[in-house]
Amino acid sequence: LRANLELMRRQLHALRDALALAYVLNRTLVLPHFDCLCDRSELVDYVPSCVYPGAPPGLTFPRKCSTHFVLNIHKLQYFLEPARYAASAPWTTRKPAPPLSLRAHSFLADPRTASAITDAPQR
């Protein structure tokens, strides 16, 4: 469990830095696909094994985990549309910031993504 918490801490620090860079450079951030060393659950019983009861047998770690395992998606939506979510955002009392453009980790692999984006040279 400690190793999972340390991994999450490092990934969240990297995400914080990436969000800041995307904001300053006015770029779209493609969210990372996070790694996990534990299955996510609020159940106390699963903590010793880090595997949720009823998980498929043979579930191995590290593995890729869902974004909602790591992030509060509702707070993330605030970055996408601050003017819309600012009125209901209890954690902020300041004027909303300009929107930050985010994409899911699967954005570049999605067949619906325009080839002009996926084939463009990476910077």
Foldseek 3Di string as FASTA:
>chain_A
DVVQVVQLVVLVVVVVVQQVVCVVVVHEAARAQGWGFADDDPDPVCVVVSYDPPPDPPDHPRDGDDPVSRDDVLVVVCLQPVVVCVVVDPVDDDDRDPHGHYHYNCQLVDPVRDCCVNVDDDD
